Amino acid sequence: MSIQKIAFYSIAGIVLLFQNEVNAQDDEQKKLIHDFEIEVEGEYRYFTNEGAFAGQEDHFPSIALTPEYSVEWNEGYESVNFTGFFRADRDDKRTHWDIRELYYQKAQGNWEVSVGLKKVYWGVAESNHLVDIINQTDAIESFDGEQKLGQPMVQFTWTTDNFGNFDFFYLPYHRKRLFAGEKGRLRFPALIERDDVKYESGAEEWRQDAAVRWSHFFGAFDVGLSHFYGNGREPIFTFDETGGINTFYPVINQTGLDLQVTHNAFLWKFESIYRNAKAQDFFAMVAGLEYTFTNIDGNGLDIGALVEYLYDERDELALNAMQNDVFVGTRIALNDTQDTSLLIGGIKDLENSTKVFSVEASRRIGNSWKAQVEARVFSDIANDEFILSNFREDTFLKLSVSKFF
């Protein structure tokens, strides 16, 4: 069954649930509050070097639509939330659509339940989100893994006064990662078709997965402990005798810990995972700190300094290519009415010459426009970098302008 059918059945189920709930309530509880917004984005990506592989292009204009709709009732304790996404791009594989979120949510007392497609984020680190395992990465939308596909789920949250929050997840369907097409950049020499990626599990994408997370704060400490069991979100790459790339999704157990400690202007951050599978077991971590100089000019200017260390036992086979690296960056926020912000950073491999630099900036224009700039620079990429060696010619600049209606 495709994600289109998943979406159809989700919509049908949520509409039926919505009707039953509203019909059972009195007039005051039936009062509906609607909110709708759509973002229209024009984007242009320019890759400064000629592609390393045949068929790759340098210029990629595109347009994207992100509609959002929500309706709530029962004094805000019940709601239906929807976020869609569509992009048309020169790379046919990057032309895609997705339902980022479409779920019914109800809160009562100390519990909350969500049913449908949803995005859930875990983690505290800036350079690598190790513990963030629920949603599949939308790899053709962002190099840094920030963009995610909607995940079908049932989420139950139980909040206690003294023992923190408990989140339980039932995940009935796995979504495969997308890869760039022949014209696209940030890809491997051989094209990887999504449908060619296999599963270790005989149930394939219909394997029934589960996850649980406990989170709590103790004074300056904010801690989360999680466990996931099911189809992994990262495929494992293997090579055949002809040099072809074979990929499959393993069944994994992953235990994660995320911790943030706030002390004056310092934020101390730590994430770690241990992942167990038949194909590979490994430990990975990221640890660092962020210090913010606040209101430097007396007009709200904040400048933060970030340093993080990244370690991954998979070495050069790590999909994130961050196996023994250090990240250094600065975050600048003007705190003005235009919400101007800038993030500059770089990752240096401690075992070879590899360096990756990044710049991300955004600013609102008027009441309904937003401009963003992103740049990634791949410098002195070592030949033994399994992932990044394929991207050494993929330094790019991305400009986007969005209009909100």
Protein backbone atom coordinates (compact mmCIF):
# COMPACT_ATOMS: atom_id res chain seq x y z
CA MET A 1 0.00 0.00 0.00
CA SER A 2 1.37 3.42 -0.99
CA ILE A 3 1.57 6.55 1.17
CA GLN A 4 -1.32 7.91 -0.93
CA LYS A 5 -3.56 5.14 0.38
CA ILE A 6 -2.21 5.63 3.89
CA ALA A 7 -3.13 9.30 3.60
CA PHE A 8 -6.61 8.48 2.28
CA TYR A 9 -7.40 6.09 5.11
CA SER A 10 -5.95 8.57 7.63
CA ILE A 11 -8.18 11.34 6.31
CA ALA A 12 -11.24 9.09 6.31
CA GLY A 13 -10.58 7.88 9.85
CA ILE A 14 -9.90 11.34 11.21
CA VAL A 15 -13.04 12.79 9.57
CA LEU A 16 -15.15 9.98 11.04
CA LEU A 17 -13.57 10.46 14.46
CA PHE A 18 -14.06 14.22 14.19
CA GLN A 19 -17.78 13.84 13.34
CA ASN A 20 -18.43 11.39 16.17
CA GLU A 21 -16.69 13.59 18.71
CA VAL A 22 -18.45 16.80 17.65
CA ASN A 23 -21.88 15.15 17.47
CA ALA A 24 -21.51 13.93 21.03
CA GLN A 25 -20.77 17.37 22.49
CA ASP A 26 -22.98 20.27 23.53
CA ASP A 27 -23.22 23.55 21.62
CA GLU A 28 -20.46 25.32 23.54
CA GLN A 29 -18.02 22.46 23.05
CA LYS A 30 -18.92 22.24 19.35
CA LYS A 31 -17.61 25.76 18.68
CA LEU A 32 -14.95 25.38 15.99
CA ILE A 33 -11.87 27.58 15.64
CA HIS A 34 -10.27 27.36 12.20
CA ASP A 35 -6.81 28.50 11.13
CA PHE A 36 -5.42 28.27 7.59
CA GLU A 37 -2.12 29.44 6.09
CA ILE A 38 -0.21 28.60 2.94
CA GLU A 39 3.45 29.28 2.21
CA VAL A 40 4.54 29.70 -1.41
CA GLU A 41 8.30 29.44 -1.78
CA GLY A 42 10.55 30.18 -4.71
CA GLU A 43 13.96 28.51 -4.39
CA TYR A 44 17.15 28.58 -6.41
CA ARG A 45 20.12 26.27 -5.80
CA TYR A 46 23.44 26.85 -7.55
CA PHE A 47 26.28 24.32 -7.39
CA THR A 48 29.59 26.05 -7.98
CA ASN A 49 31.44 23.08 -9.50
CA GLU A 50 30.71 20.77 -12.40
CA GLY A 51 29.05 17.56 -11.24
CA ALA A 52 31.23 14.56 -10.54
CA PHE A 53 28.83 12.14 -12.25
CA ALA A 54 27.24 12.05 -15.69
CA GLY A 55 23.96 13.88 -16.11
CA GLN A 56 24.27 16.17 -13.08
CA GLU A 57 23.16 19.80 -13.46
CA ASP A 58 24.41 22.96 -11.77
CA HIS A 59 21.28 25.16 -11.56
CA PHE A 60 18.06 24.11 -9.83
CA PRO A 61 15.13 26.55 -9.71
CA SER A 62 12.08 25.20 -7.92
CA ILE A 63 8.80 26.16 -6.31
CA ALA A 64 7.24 24.71 -3.15
CA LEU A 65 3.84 24.93 -1.48
CA THR A 66 3.24 24.29 2.23
CA PRO A 67 -0.42 24.54 3.27
CA GLU A 68 -1.33 24.36 6.96
CA TYR A 69 -4.79 23.98 8.43
CA SER A 70 -6.04 23.32 11.93
CA VAL A 71 -9.44 23.20 13.57
CA GLU A 72 -9.95 22.93 17.31
CA TRP A 73 -12.98 22.58 19.54
CA ASN A 74 -13.88 21.53 23.07
CA GLU A 75 -12.12 24.66 24.37
CA GLY A 76 -8.93 23.64 22.56
CA TYR A 77 -8.69 20.17 24.06
CA GLU A 78 -9.42 18.53 20.71
CA SER A 79 -8.09 19.39 17.27
CA VAL A 80 -7.30 18.17 13.78
CA ASN A 81 -4.02 19.43 12.31
CA PHE A 82 -2.77 19.26 8.74
CA THR A 83 0.50 20.28 7.06
CA GLY A 84 1.13 19.39 3.43
CA PHE A 85 4.14 19.85 1.19
CA PHE A 86 4.77 19.89 -2.56
CA ARG A 87 7.88 20.82 -4.56
CA ALA A 88 8.46 21.01 -8.32
CA ASP A 89 12.17 20.88 -9.14
CA ARG A 90 14.50 20.37 -12.11
CA ASP A 91 15.58 17.09 -10.53
CA ASP A 92 12.57 14.82 -11.14
CA LYS A 93 13.27 12.90 -7.92
CA ARG A 94 13.12 16.13 -5.96
CA THR A 95 9.71 16.84 -7.44
CA HIS A 96 7.62 15.25 -4.72
CA TRP A 97 4.77 15.75 -2.31
CA ASP A 98 4.18 14.68 1.25
CA ILE A 99 1.69 14.93 4.07
CA ARG A 100 3.94 16.18 6.83
CA GLU A 101 1.15 16.06 9.39
CA LEU A 102 -2.50 15.01 9.44
CA TYR A 103 -3.63 13.92 12.88
CA TYR A 104 -6.40 14.11 15.44
CA GLN A 105 -5.32 15.14 18.94
CA LYS A 106 -7.19 15.02 22.22
CA ALA A 107 -6.03 16.11 25.66
CA GLN A 108 -7.76 15.31 28.92
CA GLY A 109 -6.45 15.56 32.43
CA ASN A 110 -2.86 14.35 32.48
CA TRP A 111 -2.93 12.45 29.17
CA GLU A 112 -2.94 13.24 25.47
CA VAL A 113 -3.42 11.08 22.39
CA SER A 114 -2.61 11.74 18.73
CA VAL A 115 -3.67 9.54 15.79
CA GLY A 116 -2.52 10.04 12.20
CA LEU A 117 0.59 11.25 10.37
CA LYS A 118 2.78 13.43 12.57
CA LYS A 119 6.28 14.78 13.10
CA VAL A 120 8.06 14.26 16.41
CA TYR A 121 11.45 15.73 17.26
CA TRP A 122 13.89 14.55 19.94
CA GLY A 123 17.33 15.92 20.72
CA VAL A 124 19.35 18.91 21.90
CA ALA A 125 22.53 18.98 19.77
CA GLU A 126 23.10 21.42 16.91
CA SER A 127 25.36 19.50 14.52
CA ASN A 128 23.85 15.99 14.61
CA HIS A 129 20.46 14.77 15.85
CA LEU A 130 21.36 11.26 16.93
CA VAL A 131 18.34 10.37 19.08
CA ASP A 132 15.77 11.70 16.59
CA ILE A 133 14.49 8.34 15.27
CA ILE A 134 10.70 8.50 14.82
CA ASN A 135 10.43 10.22 11.42
CA GLN A 136 12.18 9.34 8.17
CA THR A 137 14.56 12.02 6.84
CA ASP A 138 13.49 13.87 3.70
CA ALA A 139 17.04 13.68 2.34
CA ILE A 140 16.32 15.42 -0.97
CA GLU A 141 14.95 18.48 0.82
CA SER A 142 17.85 19.17 3.16
CA PHE A 143 21.48 18.08 3.46
CA ASP A 144 21.49 18.40 7.26
CA GLY A 145 18.52 16.09 7.86
CA GLU A 146 16.31 18.80 9.35
CA GLN A 147 13.36 18.04 7.06
CA LYS A 148 11.29 14.94 7.86
CA LEU A 149 8.52 12.89 6.25
CA GLY A 150 5.21 12.47 8.05
CA GLN A 151 5.08 9.27 10.11
CA PRO A 152 1.85 7.27 10.61
CA MET A 153 1.49 6.74 14.35
CA VAL A 154 -0.55 6.52 17.47
CA GLN A 155 1.10 8.58 20.21
CA PHE A 156 0.00 8.47 23.83
CA THR A 157 1.51 10.96 26.29
CA TRP A 158 1.12 10.62 30.05
CA THR A 159 2.23 13.55 32.22
CA THR A 160 3.00 13.14 35.91
CA ASP A 161 3.74 15.73 38.56
CA ASN A 162 6.86 14.14 40.00
CA PHE A 163 8.12 11.57 37.50
CA GLY A 164 8.14 13.45 34.19
CA ASN A 165 6.46 12.66 30.89
CA PHE A 166 6.03 9.26 29.25
CA ASP A 167 5.47 9.00 25.49
CA PHE A 168 4.40 5.72 23.86
CA PHE A 169 4.40 5.26 20.08
CA TYR A 170 2.81 2.65 17.85
CA LEU A 171 4.24 2.95 14.33
CA PRO A 172 2.37 0.75 11.84
CA TYR A 173 4.12 1.75 8.62
CA HIS A 174 7.71 2.50 7.59
CA ARG A 175 8.52 5.16 4.99
CA LYS A 176 11.53 4.83 2.71
CA ARG A 177 14.11 7.55 2.23
CA LEU A 178 14.18 9.44 -1.08
CA PHE A 179 17.38 9.85 -3.11
CA ALA A 180 18.40 12.35 -5.80
CA GLY A 181 17.83 11.53 -9.47
CA GLU A 182 20.24 11.58 -12.40
CA LYS A 183 20.25 15.39 -12.68
CA GLY A 184 20.43 15.85 -8.92
CA ARG A 185 23.40 16.59 -6.71
CA LEU A 186 24.49 15.18 -3.35
CA ARG A 187 24.12 11.65 -4.71
CA PHE A 188 26.12 8.47 -5.32
CA PRO A 189 27.63 7.43 -8.68
CA ALA A 190 24.90 4.80 -9.10
CA LEU A 191 21.32 5.96 -8.82
CA ILE A 192 19.38 4.53 -5.88
CA GLU A 193 15.71 3.97 -6.59
CA ARG A 194 13.55 4.06 -3.50
CA ASP A 195 11.69 0.89 -4.46
CA ASP A 196 14.97 -1.00 -4.90
CA VAL A 197 15.83 -0.64 -1.21
CA LYS A 198 14.95 -3.91 0.54
CA TYR A 199 14.03 -4.84 4.10
CA GLU A 200 15.51 -7.30 6.55
CA SER A 201 12.00 -7.93 7.89
CA GLY A 202 9.70 -10.18 5.88
CA ALA A 203 6.84 -7.78 6.69
CA GLU A 204 8.81 -5.04 4.91
CA GLU A 205 7.27 -1.58 5.39
CA TRP A 206 4.31 -3.06 7.27
CA ARG A 207 6.41 -4.29 10.17
CA GLN A 208 4.74 -3.04 13.37
CA ASP A 209 7.25 -0.83 15.19
CA ALA A 210 7.16 0.76 18.64
CA ALA A 211 8.99 3.36 20.68
CA VAL A 212 8.89 4.83 24.16
CA ARG A 213 10.45 7.95 25.67
CA TRP A 214 10.71 9.31 29.18
CA SER A 215 11.57 12.98 29.69
CA HIS A 216 11.90 15.09 32.81
CA PHE A 217 13.66 18.15 34.16
CA PHE A 218 15.43 18.55 37.48
CA GLY A 219 16.37 22.15 38.14
CA ALA A 220 19.03 22.90 35.54
CA PHE A 221 18.86 19.38 34.04
CA ASP A 222 16.58 18.44 31.14
CA VAL A 223 16.87 14.75 30.31
CA GLY A 224 15.30 12.29 27.89
CA LEU A 225 15.68 8.52 27.67
CA SER A 226 14.23 6.65 24.69
CA HIS A 227 14.06 3.23 23.07
CA PHE A 228 13.00 2.32 19.53
CA TYR A 229 12.39 -1.15 18.10
CA GLY A 230 11.60 -1.65 14.43
CA ASN A 231 12.72 -0.87 10.89
CA GLY A 232 15.67 1.50 11.00
CA ARG A 233 15.34 4.89 9.34
CA GLU A 234 18.86 4.74 7.89
CA PRO A 235 19.47 2.15 5.15
CA ILE A 236 22.64 0.06 5.26
CA PHE A 237 24.80 0.19 2.12
CA THR A 238 26.64 -2.86 0.76
CA PHE A 239 28.59 -3.37 -2.47
CA ASP A 240 28.37 -6.26 -4.92
CA GLU A 241 31.23 -7.69 -6.99
CA THR A 242 30.52 -5.31 -9.89
CA GLY A 243 30.70 -2.23 -7.67
CA GLY A 244 26.93 -1.74 -7.54
CA ILE A 245 25.30 -0.39 -4.40
CA ASN A 246 22.81 -2.56 -2.53
CA THR A 247 20.74 -1.14 0.28
CA PHE A 248 18.36 -2.51 2.90
CA TYR A 249 16.64 -1.38 6.08
CA PRO A 250 17.65 -3.47 9.10
CA VAL A 251 15.52 -4.24 12.14
CA ILE A 252 17.11 -2.32 15.01
CA ASN A 253 16.94 -1.74 18.72
CA GLN A 254 18.12 1.78 19.54
CA THR A 255 18.46 3.24 23.00
CA GLY A 256 19.04 6.98 23.18
CA LEU A 257 19.91 9.54 25.83
CA ASP A 258 19.67 13.31 25.44
CA LEU A 259 20.68 15.73 28.17
CA GLN A 260 20.82 19.50 28.40
CA VAL A 261 22.13 21.43 31.39
CA THR A 262 21.43 25.16 31.71
CA HIS A 263 23.85 27.18 33.82
CA ASN A 264 23.70 30.96 33.52
CA ALA A 265 24.57 31.71 29.86
CA PHE A 266 25.87 28.16 29.24
CA LEU A 267 23.97 25.30 27.64
CA TRP A 268 25.75 21.96 28.02
CA LYS A 269 24.45 19.40 25.51
CA PHE A 270 24.84 15.65 25.17
CA GLU A 271 23.25 12.99 22.94
CA SER A 272 24.20 9.32 22.65
CA ILE A 273 22.76 6.16 21.10
CA TYR A 274 23.51 2.48 21.13
CA ARG A 275 22.05 0.68 18.11
CA ASN A 276 21.82 -3.11 17.91
CA ALA A 277 21.07 -5.00 14.68
CA LYS A 278 22.14 -8.24 12.98
CA ALA A 279 24.14 -6.26 10.44
CA GLN A 280 25.93 -3.90 12.84
CA ASP A 281 26.12 -2.78 16.46
CA PHE A 282 27.56 0.60 17.30
CA PHE A 283 27.72 3.48 19.75
CA ALA A 284 27.60 7.14 18.75
CA MET A 285 27.58 10.41 20.67
CA VAL A 286 27.72 14.17 20.35
CA ALA A 287 28.71 16.41 23.26
CA GLY A 288 29.27 20.14 23.47
CA LEU A 289 28.25 23.50 24.80
CA GLU A 290 26.74 26.79 23.74
CA TYR A 291 27.49 30.12 25.42
CA THR A 292 25.39 33.19 24.60
CA PHE A 293 26.50 36.81 24.94
CA THR A 294 23.17 38.60 25.38
CA ASN A 295 22.10 42.15 24.45
CA ILE A 296 25.61 43.10 23.38
CA ASP A 297 24.71 46.41 21.76
CA GLY A 298 21.90 47.32 24.12
CA ASN A 299 19.37 46.70 21.32
CA GLY A 300 18.85 42.97 21.73
CA LEU A 301 21.83 41.56 19.80
CA ASP A 302 22.66 38.02 20.99
CA ILE A 303 25.74 36.10 19.86
CA GLY A 304 26.18 32.47 20.75
CA ALA A 305 29.36 30.39 20.50
CA LEU A 306 28.94 26.65 19.86
CA VAL A 307 31.41 23.78 20.12
CA GLU A 308 30.50 20.08 19.77
CA TYR A 309 32.44 16.83 19.46
CA LEU A 310 31.00 13.99 17.35
CA TYR A 311 31.89 10.31 17.55
CA ASP A 312 30.51 7.27 15.70
CA GLU A 313 31.92 3.73 15.92
CA ARG A 314 30.94 3.02 12.30
CA ASP A 315 33.86 5.19 11.23
CA GLU A 316 33.72 6.00 7.48
CA LEU A 317 30.54 3.89 7.10
CA ALA A 318 28.55 6.38 9.19
CA LEU A 319 25.79 7.79 6.98
CA ASN A 320 26.15 11.19 8.62
CA ALA A 321 29.93 11.17 7.90
CA MET A 322 30.57 12.42 11.43
CA GLN A 323 32.64 9.71 13.07
CA ASN A 324 35.42 11.62 14.86
CA ASP A 325 34.81 15.30 14.19
CA VAL A 326 34.54 18.65 15.90
CA PHE A 327 31.95 21.31 15.13
CA VAL A 328 32.51 25.01 15.83
CA GLY A 329 29.95 27.69 15.09
CA THR A 330 28.27 30.92 16.06
CA ARG A 331 24.60 31.85 16.24
CA ILE A 332 23.65 35.51 15.81
CA ALA A 333 20.15 36.81 16.59
CA LEU A 334 19.30 40.49 16.20
CA ASN A 335 15.98 40.01 18.03
CA ASP A 336 14.49 42.69 15.79
CA THR A 337 10.98 42.92 14.37
CA GLN A 338 12.21 41.13 11.21
CA ASP A 339 13.49 38.17 13.27
CA THR A 340 16.92 38.34 11.60
CA SER A 341 19.16 35.37 12.43
CA LEU A 342 22.44 33.88 11.22
CA LEU A 343 24.15 30.55 11.92
CA ILE A 344 27.73 29.98 10.75
CA GLY A 345 29.56 26.75 11.42
CA GLY A 346 32.15 24.26 10.29
CA ILE A 347 32.90 20.59 10.91
CA LYS A 348 36.48 19.32 10.84
CA ASP A 349 37.42 15.63 10.72
CA LEU A 350 40.07 14.96 13.34
CA GLU A 351 41.60 12.06 11.38
CA ASN A 352 41.98 13.56 7.90
CA SER A 353 41.68 16.79 5.90
CA THR A 354 37.89 16.79 5.46
CA LYS A 355 36.06 20.02 6.30
CA VAL A 356 32.44 21.09 5.74
CA PHE A 357 31.35 24.70 6.27
CA SER A 358 27.80 26.00 6.46
CA VAL A 359 25.93 29.30 6.56
CA GLU A 360 22.21 29.69 7.27
CA ALA A 361 20.48 33.07 7.45
CA SER A 362 16.86 34.21 7.48
CA ARG A 363 14.93 37.47 7.72
CA ARG A 364 11.28 38.44 7.52
CA ILE A 365 10.31 41.13 5.01
CA GLY A 366 7.21 43.03 5.96
CA ASN A 367 4.35 41.04 7.46
CA SER A 368 4.11 38.17 4.99
CA TRP A 369 7.47 37.61 3.28
CA LYS A 370 10.59 35.74 4.36
CA ALA A 371 14.03 35.44 2.75
CA GLN A 372 16.53 32.66 3.49
CA VAL A 373 20.10 31.92 2.45
CA GLU A 374 21.96 28.64 2.87
CA ALA A 375 25.45 27.64 1.76
CA ARG A 376 27.43 24.41 2.13
CA VAL A 377 31.12 24.22 1.28
CA PHE A 378 32.90 20.86 0.97
CA SER A 379 36.65 21.36 1.37
CA ASP A 380 39.57 18.90 1.08
CA ILE A 381 37.31 15.85 1.29
CA ALA A 382 39.45 12.77 1.96
CA ASN A 383 39.21 9.79 -0.38
CA ASP A 384 38.40 7.41 2.50
CA GLU A 385 35.19 9.29 3.34
CA PHE A 386 32.58 6.78 2.13
CA ILE A 387 29.72 9.32 2.03
CA LEU A 388 31.31 12.74 1.62
CA SER A 389 33.77 11.68 -1.10
CA ASN A 390 30.77 11.52 -3.45
CA PHE A 391 29.85 15.14 -2.61
CA ARG A 392 33.25 16.81 -2.96
CA GLU A 393 32.05 18.76 -6.05
CA ASP A 394 28.69 19.67 -4.50
CA THR A 395 29.42 22.99 -2.80
CA PHE A 396 26.23 24.99 -3.24
CA LEU A 397 24.39 28.22 -2.51
CA LYS A 398 20.62 28.20 -1.94
CA LEU A 399 18.38 31.26 -1.99
CA SER A 400 14.68 31.19 -1.19
CA VAL A 401 11.88 33.71 -0.81
CA SER A 402 8.55 32.77 0.76
CA LYS A 403 5.18 34.46 0.75
CA PHE A 404 2.63 33.60 3.45
CA PHE A 405 -1.08 33.87 2.76
